[in-house]
Amino acid sequence: MRYDVTDFFTRQGFVDLAQKFDAATSTVPTPASKDHFHAEQLRLDYAMATPTLADLVVGIETIKTPETGTIPDHYPTVLEIKL
């Protein structure tokens, strides 16, 4: 697994929101996935934010339900932002 892109963003001061909220989890594969390149449980989806925007985020969740398990790609990730 390569992390050079995510490492670049964190070196630039961006915040990995899933890590901030201790919510990092795999985002692939879903049970419906037929992609053999995504056969392992991997976290491929990230939400990165500037520190100012990260302060407005109050939660992040990767939605893993029977319904989202029918999506043949990645599980959806939802951010909750206070306005």
PDB file of N, CA and C in Angstrom:
ATOM      1  N   MET A   1       0.855  -1.174   0.000  1.00  0.00           N
ATOM      2  CA  MET A   1       0.000   0.000   0.000  1.00  0.00           C
ATOM      3  C   MET A   1       0.896   1.230   0.000  1.00  0.00           C
ATOM      4  N   ARG A   2       0.559   2.199  -0.809  1.00  0.00           N
ATOM      5  CA  ARG A   2       1.318   3.453  -0.872  1.00  0.00           C
ATOM      6  C   ARG A   2       0.565   4.544  -0.124  1.00  0.00           C
ATOM      7  N   TYR A   3       1.321   5.339   0.606  1.00  0.00           N
ATOM      8  CA  TYR A   3       0.734   6.438   1.376  1.00  0.00           C
ATOM      9  C   TYR A   3       1.349   7.776   1.010  1.00  0.00           C
ATOM     10  N   ASP A   4       2.062   7.839  -0.120  1.00  0.00           N
ATOM     11  CA  ASP A   4       2.755   9.080  -0.458  1.00  0.00           C
ATOM     12  C   ASP A   4       1.794  10.250  -0.678  1.00  0.00           C
ATOM     13  N   VAL A   5       0.626  10.017  -1.204  1.00  0.00           N
ATOM     14  CA  VAL A   5      -0.321  11.113  -1.436  1.00  0.00           C
ATOM     15  C   VAL A   5      -0.894  11.609  -0.108  1.00  0.00           C
ATOM     16  N   THR A   6      -1.359  10.696   0.738  1.00  0.00           N
ATOM     17  CA  THR A   6      -1.901  11.129   2.031  1.00  0.00           C
ATOM     18  C   THR A   6      -0.800  11.741   2.901  1.00  0.00           C
ATOM     19  N   ASP A   7       0.398  11.183   2.837  1.00  0.00           N
ATOM     20  CA  ASP A   7       1.521  11.776   3.582  1.00  0.00           C
ATOM     21  C   ASP A   7       1.812  13.191   3.101  1.00  0.00           C
ATOM     22  N   PHE A   8       1.722  13.416   1.795  1.00  0.00           N
ATOM     23  CA  PHE A   8       1.934  14.765   1.249  1.00  0.00           C
ATOM     24  C   PHE A   8       0.944  15.756   1.857  1.00  0.00           C
ATOM     25  N   PHE A   9      -0.328  15.381   1.881  1.00  0.00           N
ATOM     26  CA  PHE A   9      -1.344  16.290   2.417  1.00  0.00           C
ATOM     27  C   PHE A   9      -1.130  16.563   3.907  1.00  0.00           C
ATOM     28  N   THR A  10      -0.789  15.542   4.670  1.00  0.00           N
ATOM     29  CA  THR A  10      -0.573  15.781   6.098  1.00  0.00           C
ATOM     30  C   THR A  10       0.678  16.631   6.329  1.00  0.00           C
ATOM     31  N   ARG A  11       1.690  16.461   5.507  1.00  0.00           N
ATOM     32  CA  ARG A  11       2.876  17.332   5.618  1.00  0.00           C
ATOM     33  C   ARG A  11       2.542  18.775   5.293  1.00  0.00           C
ATOM     34  N   GLN A  12       1.523  18.999   4.470  1.00  0.00           N
ATOM     35  CA  GLN A  12       1.097  20.351   4.122  1.00  0.00           C
ATOM     36  C   GLN A  12       0.182  20.952   5.189  1.00  0.00           C
ATOM     37  N   GLY A  13      -0.109  20.194   6.230  1.00  0.00           N
ATOM     38  CA  GLY A  13      -0.929  20.705   7.315  1.00  0.00           C
ATOM     39  C   GLY A  13      -2.379  20.283   7.292  1.00  0.00           C
ATOM     40  N   PHE A  14      -2.759  19.467   6.314  1.00  0.00           N
ATOM     41  CA  PHE A  14      -4.140  18.992   6.260  1.00  0.00           C
ATOM     42  C   PHE A  14      -4.383  17.959   7.351  1.00  0.00           C
ATOM     43  N   VAL A  15      -5.626  17.882   7.795  1.00  0.00           N
ATOM     44  CA  VAL A  15      -6.027  16.972   8.863  1.00  0.00           C
ATOM     45  C   VAL A  15      -6.777  15.794   8.257  1.00  0.00           C
ATOM     46  N   ASP A  16      -6.357  14.586   8.601  1.00  0.00           N
ATOM     47  CA  ASP A  16      -7.088  13.377   8.222  1.00  0.00           C
ATOM     48  C   ASP A  16      -8.243  13.264   9.215  1.00  0.00           C
ATOM     49  N   LEU A  17      -9.444  13.527   8.752  1.00  0.00           N
ATOM     50  CA  LEU A  17     -10.592  13.617   9.648  1.00  0.00           C
ATOM     51  C   LEU A  17     -10.948  12.281  10.293  1.00  0.00           C
ATOM     52  N   ALA A  18     -10.774  11.197   9.592  1.00  0.00           N
ATOM     53  CA  ALA A  18     -11.075   9.892  10.192  1.00  0.00           C
ATOM     54  C   ALA A  18     -10.128   9.611  11.352  1.00  0.00           C
ATOM     55  N   GLN A  19      -8.868   9.987  11.216  1.00  0.00           N
ATOM     56  CA  GLN A  19      -7.937   9.809  12.324  1.00  0.00           C
ATOM     57  C   GLN A  19      -8.286  10.739  13.476  1.00  0.00           C
ATOM     58  N   LYS A  20      -8.663  11.971  13.162  1.00  0.00           N
ATOM     59  CA  LYS A  20      -9.029  12.934  14.203  1.00  0.00           C
ATOM     60  C   LYS A  20     -10.134  12.385  15.100  1.00  0.00           C
ATOM     61  N   PHE A  21     -11.105  11.705  14.496  1.00  0.00           N
ATOM     62  CA  PHE A  21     -12.243  11.182  15.246  1.00  0.00           C
ATOM     63  C   PHE A  21     -12.099   9.691  15.564  1.00  0.00           C
ATOM     64  N   ASP A  22     -10.909   9.158  15.379  1.00  0.00           N
ATOM     65  CA  ASP A  22     -10.654   7.739  15.637  1.00  0.00           C
ATOM     66  C   ASP A  22     -11.692   6.872  14.937  1.00  0.00           C
ATOM     67  N   ALA A  23     -11.949   7.218  13.670  1.00  0.00           N
ATOM     68  CA  ALA A  23     -12.983   6.525  12.890  1.00  0.00           C
ATOM     69  C   ALA A  23     -12.433   5.909  11.611  1.00  0.00           C
ATOM     70  N   ALA A  24     -11.120   5.740  11.540  1.00  0.00           N
ATOM     71  CA  ALA A  24     -10.530   5.154  10.333  1.00  0.00           C
ATOM     72  C   ALA A  24     -10.942   3.689  10.230  1.00  0.00           C
ATOM     73  N   THR A  25     -11.491   3.335   9.094  1.00  0.00           N
ATOM     74  CA  THR A  25     -11.953   1.971   8.855  1.00  0.00           C
ATOM     75  C   THR A  25     -11.821   1.667   7.366  1.00  0.00           C
ATOM     76  N   SER A  26     -11.954   0.423   7.009  1.00  0.00           N
ATOM     77  CA  SER A  26     -11.889   0.063   5.592  1.00  0.00           C
ATOM     78  C   SER A  26     -13.077   0.664   4.849  1.00  0.00           C
ATOM     79  N   THR A  27     -12.848   1.038   3.605  1.00  0.00           N
ATOM     80  CA  THR A  27     -13.920   1.570   2.760  1.00  0.00           C
ATOM     81  C   THR A  27     -14.181   0.687   1.547  1.00  0.00           C
ATOM     82  N   VAL A  28     -13.353  -0.320   1.364  1.00  0.00           N
ATOM     83  CA  VAL A  28     -13.546  -1.340   0.336  1.00  0.00           C
ATOM     84  C   VAL A  28     -13.106  -2.674   0.925  1.00  0.00           C
ATOM     85  N   PRO A  29     -13.556  -3.785   0.423  1.00  0.00           N
ATOM     86  CA  PRO A  29     -14.631  -3.914  -0.553  1.00  0.00           C
ATOM     87  C   PRO A  29     -15.988  -3.993   0.132  1.00  0.00           C
ATOM     88  N   THR A  30     -17.006  -3.752  -0.635  1.00  0.00           N
ATOM     89  CA  THR A  30     -18.356  -4.048  -0.172  1.00  0.00           C
ATOM     90  C   THR A  30     -18.643  -5.506  -0.533  1.00  0.00           C
ATOM     91  N   PRO A  31     -19.624  -6.119   0.101  1.00  0.00           N
ATOM     92  CA  PRO A  31     -19.952  -7.503  -0.264  1.00  0.00           C
ATOM     93  C   PRO A  31     -20.308  -7.665  -1.747  1.00  0.00           C
ATOM     94  N   ALA A  32     -20.823  -6.603  -2.376  1.00  0.00           N
ATOM     95  CA  ALA A  32     -21.225  -6.694  -3.776  1.00  0.00           C
ATOM     96  C   ALA A  32     -20.063  -6.477  -4.746  1.00  0.00           C
ATOM     97  N   SER A  33     -18.895  -6.126  -4.241  1.00  0.00           N
ATOM     98  CA  SER A  33     -17.758  -5.817  -5.112  1.00  0.00           C
ATOM     99  C   SER A  33     -17.277  -7.055  -5.865  1.00  0.00           C
ATOM    100  N   LYS A  34     -17.045  -6.872  -7.142  1.00  0.00           N
ATOM    101  CA  LYS A  34     -16.479  -7.935  -7.983  1.00  0.00           C
ATOM    102  C   LYS A  34     -15.050  -7.577  -8.421  1.00  0.00           C
ATOM    103  N   ASP A  35     -14.527  -6.482  -7.890  1.00  0.00           N
ATOM    104  CA  ASP A  35     -13.207  -5.975  -8.262  1.00  0.00           C
ATOM    105  C   ASP A  35     -12.132  -6.742  -7.500  1.00  0.00           C
ATOM    106  N   HIS A  36     -11.400  -7.603  -8.199  1.00  0.00           N
ATOM    107  CA  HIS A  36     -10.393  -8.421  -7.523  1.00  0.00           C
ATOM    108  C   HIS A  36      -9.218  -7.591  -7.004  1.00  0.00           C
ATOM    109  N   PHE A  37      -9.061  -6.351  -7.480  1.00  0.00           N
ATOM    110  CA  PHE A  37      -8.011  -5.468  -6.969  1.00  0.00           C
ATOM    111  C   PHE A  37      -8.372  -4.910  -5.594  1.00  0.00           C
ATOM    112  N   HIS A  38      -9.654  -4.971  -5.252  1.00  0.00           N
ATOM    113  CA  HIS A  38     -10.118  -4.490  -3.956  1.00  0.00           C
ATOM    114  C   HIS A  38     -10.670  -5.646  -3.119  1.00  0.00           C
ATOM    115  N   ALA A  39      -9.999  -6.768  -3.164  1.00  0.00           N
ATOM    116  CA  ALA A  39     -10.470  -7.944  -2.439  1.00  0.00           C
ATOM    117  C   ALA A  39     -10.133  -7.880  -0.952  1.00  0.00           C
ATOM    118  N   GLU A  40      -9.075  -7.152  -0.587  1.00  0.00           N
ATOM    119  CA  GLU A  40      -8.695  -7.003   0.820  1.00  0.00           C
ATOM    120  C   GLU A  40      -9.433  -5.839   1.454  1.00  0.00           C
ATOM    121  N   GLN A  41      -9.601  -5.908   2.766  1.00  0.00           N
ATOM    122  CA  GLN A  41     -10.174  -4.793   3.500  1.00  0.00           C
ATOM    123  C   GLN A  41      -9.159  -3.652   3.508  1.00  0.00           C
ATOM    124  N   LEU A  42      -9.488  -2.552   2.836  1.00  0.00           N
ATOM    125  CA  LEU A  42      -8.572  -1.419   2.716  1.00  0.00           C
ATOM    126  C   LEU A  42      -9.299  -0.114   2.969  1.00  0.00           C
ATOM    127  N   ARG A  43      -8.582   0.840   3.479  1.00  0.00           N
ATOM    128  CA  ARG A  43      -9.104   2.204   3.569  1.00  0.00           C
ATOM    129  C   ARG A  43      -8.556   2.962   2.366  1.00  0.00           C
ATOM    130  N   LEU A  44      -9.408   3.154   1.378  1.00  0.00           N
ATOM    131  CA  LEU A  44      -8.998   3.864   0.164  1.00  0.00           C
ATOM    132  C   LEU A  44      -9.581   5.264   0.081  1.00  0.00           C
ATOM    133  N   ASP A  45     -10.538   5.576   0.928  1.00  0.00           N
ATOM    134  CA  ASP A  45     -11.221   6.867   0.867  1.00  0.00           C
ATOM    135  C   ASP A  45     -10.851   7.698   2.089  1.00  0.00           C
ATOM    136  N   TYR A  46     -10.508   8.951   1.827  1.00  0.00           N
ATOM    137  CA  TYR A  46     -10.038   9.851   2.879  1.00  0.00           C
ATOM    138  C   TYR A  46     -10.800  11.162   2.797  1.00  0.00           C
ATOM    139  N   ALA A  47     -10.973  11.782   3.953  1.00  0.00           N
ATOM    140  CA  ALA A  47     -11.514  13.138   4.026  1.00  0.00           C
ATOM    141  C   ALA A  47     -10.426  13.972   4.687  1.00  0.00           C
ATOM    142  N   MET A  48      -9.857  14.880   3.927  1.00  0.00           N
ATOM    143  CA  MET A  48      -8.787  15.745   4.420  1.00  0.00           C
ATOM    144  C   MET A  48      -9.320  17.173   4.463  1.00  0.00           C
ATOM    145  N   ALA A  49      -8.887  17.943   5.460  1.00  0.00           N
ATOM    146  CA  ALA A  49      -9.364  19.315   5.596  1.00  0.00           C
ATOM    147  C   ALA A  49      -8.260  20.191   6.171  1.00  0.00           C
ATOM    148  N   THR A  50      -8.374  21.472   5.899  1.00  0.00           N
ATOM    149  CA  THR A  50      -7.477  22.418   6.553  1.00  0.00           C
ATOM    150  C   THR A  50      -7.823  22.418   8.043  1.00  0.00           C
ATOM    151  N   PRO A  51      -6.903  22.840   8.900  1.00  0.00           N
ATOM    152  CA  PRO A  51      -7.228  22.877  10.330  1.00  0.00           C
ATOM    153  C   PRO A  51      -8.464  23.728  10.636  1.00  0.00           C
ATOM    154  N   THR A  52      -8.652  24.837   9.932  1.00  0.00           N
ATOM    155  CA  THR A  52      -9.823  25.689  10.166  1.00  0.00           C
ATOM    156  C   THR A  52     -11.108  24.946   9.840  1.00  0.00           C
ATOM    157  N   LEU A  53     -11.148  24.272   8.693  1.00  0.00           N
ATOM    158  CA  LEU A  53     -12.338  23.495   8.333  1.00  0.00           C
ATOM    159  C   LEU A  53     -12.489  22.290   9.254  1.00  0.00           C
ATOM    160  N   ALA A  54     -11.393  21.654   9.623  1.00  0.00           N
ATOM    161  CA  ALA A  54     -11.459  20.488  10.512  1.00  0.00           C
ATOM    162  C   ALA A  54     -12.105  20.845  11.845  1.00  0.00           C
ATOM    163  N   ASP A  55     -11.922  22.077  12.304  1.00  0.00           N
ATOM    164  CA  ASP A  55     -12.559  22.513  13.551  1.00  0.00           C
ATOM    165  C   ASP A  55     -14.077  22.567  13.441  1.00  0.00           C
ATOM    166  N   LEU A  56     -14.600  22.664  12.228  1.00  0.00           N
ATOM    167  CA  LEU A  56     -16.051  22.708  12.014  1.00  0.00           C
ATOM    168  C   LEU A  56     -16.667  21.318  11.879  1.00  0.00           C
ATOM    169  N   VAL A  57     -15.833  20.327  11.674  1.00  0.00           N
ATOM    170  CA  VAL A  57     -16.326  18.959  11.504  1.00  0.00           C
ATOM    171  C   VAL A  57     -16.559  18.355  12.883  1.00  0.00           C
ATOM    172  N   VAL A  58     -17.752  17.833  13.092  1.00  0.00           N
ATOM    173  CA  VAL A  58     -18.094  17.248  14.392  1.00  0.00           C
ATOM    174  C   VAL A  58     -18.196  15.726  14.337  1.00  0.00           C
ATOM    175  N   GLY A  59     -18.071  15.152  13.151  1.00  0.00           N
ATOM    176  CA  GLY A  59     -18.112  13.703  13.044  1.00  0.00           C
ATOM    177  C   GLY A  59     -17.883  13.215  11.637  1.00  0.00           C
ATOM    178  N   ILE A  60     -17.464  11.974  11.546  1.00  0.00           N
ATOM    179  CA  ILE A  60     -17.268  11.301  10.257  1.00  0.00           C
ATOM    180  C   ILE A  60     -17.638   9.834  10.451  1.00  0.00           C
ATOM    181  N   GLU A  61     -18.279   9.271   9.454  1.00  0.00           N
ATOM    182  CA  GLU A  61     -18.685   7.873   9.551  1.00  0.00           C
ATOM    183  C   GLU A  61     -18.675   7.230   8.181  1.00  0.00           C
ATOM    184  N   THR A  62     -18.128   6.034   8.116  1.00  0.00           N
ATOM    185  CA  THR A  62     -18.255   5.202   6.921  1.00  0.00           C
ATOM    186  C   THR A  62     -19.479   4.337   7.149  1.00  0.00           C
ATOM    187  N   ILE A  63     -20.437   4.460   6.251  1.00  0.00           N
ATOM    188  CA  ILE A  63     -21.741   3.816   6.425  1.00  0.00           C
ATOM    189  C   ILE A  63     -21.684   2.380   5.903  1.00  0.00           C
ATOM    190  N   LYS A  64     -21.755   1.432   6.832  1.00  0.00           N
ATOM    191  CA  LYS A  64     -21.745   0.008   6.482  1.00  0.00           C
ATOM    192  C   LYS A  64     -23.049  -0.606   6.959  1.00  0.00           C
ATOM    193  N   THR A  65     -23.976  -0.734   6.040  1.00  0.00           N
ATOM    194  CA  THR A  65     -25.285  -1.320   6.331  1.00  0.00           C
ATOM    195  C   THR A  65     -25.590  -2.369   5.260  1.00  0.00           C
ATOM    196  N   PRO A  66     -26.633  -3.150   5.441  1.00  0.00           N
ATOM    197  CA  PRO A  66     -27.015  -4.072   4.367  1.00  0.00           C
ATOM    198  C   PRO A  66     -27.265  -3.344   3.039  1.00  0.00           C
ATOM    199  N   GLU A  67     -27.840  -2.139   3.126  1.00  0.00           N
ATOM    200  CA  GLU A  67     -28.117  -1.387   1.897  1.00  0.00           C
ATOM    201  C   GLU A  67     -26.827  -0.929   1.218  1.00  0.00           C
ATOM    202  N   THR A  68     -25.890  -0.356   1.999  1.00  0.00           N
ATOM    203  CA  THR A  68     -24.648   0.117   1.367  1.00  0.00           C
ATOM    204  C   THR A  68     -23.759  -1.046   0.950  1.00  0.00           C
ATOM    205  N   GLY A  69     -24.003  -2.220   1.522  1.00  0.00           N
ATOM    206  CA  GLY A  69     -23.259  -3.408   1.098  1.00  0.00           C
ATOM    207  C   GLY A  69     -23.619  -3.869  -0.301  1.00  0.00           C
ATOM    208  N   THR A  70     -24.720  -3.347  -0.846  1.00  0.00           N
ATOM    209  CA  THR A  70     -25.111  -3.709  -2.214  1.00  0.00           C
ATOM    210  C   THR A  70     -24.445  -2.818  -3.255  1.00  0.00           C
ATOM    211  N   ILE A  71     -23.739  -1.784  -2.786  1.00  0.00           N
ATOM    212  CA  ILE A  71     -23.016  -0.896  -3.711  1.00  0.00           C
ATOM    213  C   ILE A  71     -21.764  -1.632  -4.164  1.00  0.00           C
ATOM    214  N   PRO A  72     -21.567  -1.808  -5.467  1.00  0.00           N
ATOM    215  CA  PRO A  72     -20.439  -2.601  -5.930  1.00  0.00           C
ATOM    216  C   PRO A  72     -19.130  -1.805  -6.016  1.00  0.00           C
ATOM    217  N   ASP A  73     -18.939  -0.862  -5.145  1.00  0.00           N
ATOM    218  CA  ASP A  73     -17.731  -0.046  -5.196  1.00  0.00           C
ATOM    219  C   ASP A  73     -17.246   0.201  -3.775  1.00  0.00           C
ATOM    220  N   HIS A  74     -17.284   1.427  -3.320  1.00  0.00           N
ATOM    221  CA  HIS A  74     -16.810   1.789  -1.985  1.00  0.00           C
ATOM    222  C   HIS A  74     -17.989   2.117  -1.082  1.00  0.00           C
ATOM    223  N   TYR A  75     -17.797   1.877   0.226  1.00  0.00           N
ATOM    224  CA  TYR A  75     -18.794   2.324   1.192  1.00  0.00           C
ATOM    225  C   TYR A  75     -18.810   3.848   1.232  1.00  0.00           C
ATOM    226  N   PRO A  76     -19.972   4.464   1.397  1.00  0.00           N
ATOM    227  CA  PRO A  76     -20.026   5.931   1.479  1.00  0.00           C
ATOM    228  C   PRO A  76     -19.481   6.416   2.825  1.00  0.00           C
ATOM    229  N   THR A  77     -18.855   7.563   2.785  1.00  0.00           N
ATOM    230  CA  THR A  77     -18.361   8.223   3.990  1.00  0.00           C
ATOM    231  C   THR A  77     -19.068   9.546   4.124  1.00  0.00           C
ATOM    232  N   VAL A  78     -19.566   9.824   5.316  1.00  0.00           N
ATOM    233  CA  VAL A  78     -20.356  11.028   5.556  1.00  0.00           C
ATOM    234  C   VAL A  78     -19.673  11.869   6.628  1.00  0.00           C
ATOM    235  N   LEU A  79     -19.594  13.168   6.373  1.00  0.00           N
ATOM    236  CA  LEU A  79     -19.074  14.122   7.351  1.00  0.00           C
ATOM    237  C   LEU A  79     -20.227  14.897   7.943  1.00  0.00           C
ATOM    238  N   GLU A  80     -20.137  15.195   9.226  1.00  0.00           N
ATOM    239  CA  GLU A  80     -21.096  16.095   9.862  1.00  0.00           C
ATOM    240  C   GLU A  80     -20.338  17.378  10.184  1.00  0.00           C
ATOM    241  N   ILE A  81     -20.845  18.485   9.658  1.00  0.00           N
ATOM    242  CA  ILE A  81     -20.177  19.786   9.802  1.00  0.00           C
ATOM    243  C   ILE A  81     -21.113  20.743  10.514  1.00  0.00           C
ATOM    244  N   LYS A  82     -20.614  21.408  11.546  1.00  0.00           N
ATOM    245  CA  LYS A  82     -21.435  22.427  12.210  1.00  0.00           C
ATOM    246  C   LYS A  82     -21.276  23.729  11.459  1.00  0.00           C
ATOM    247  N   LEU A  83     -22.384  24.384  11.214  1.00  0.00           N
ATOM    248  CA  LEU A  83     -22.359  25.648  10.490  1.00  0.00           C
ATOM    249  C   LEU A  83     -22.602  26.817  11.410  1.00  0.00           C
TER     250      LEU A  83
END
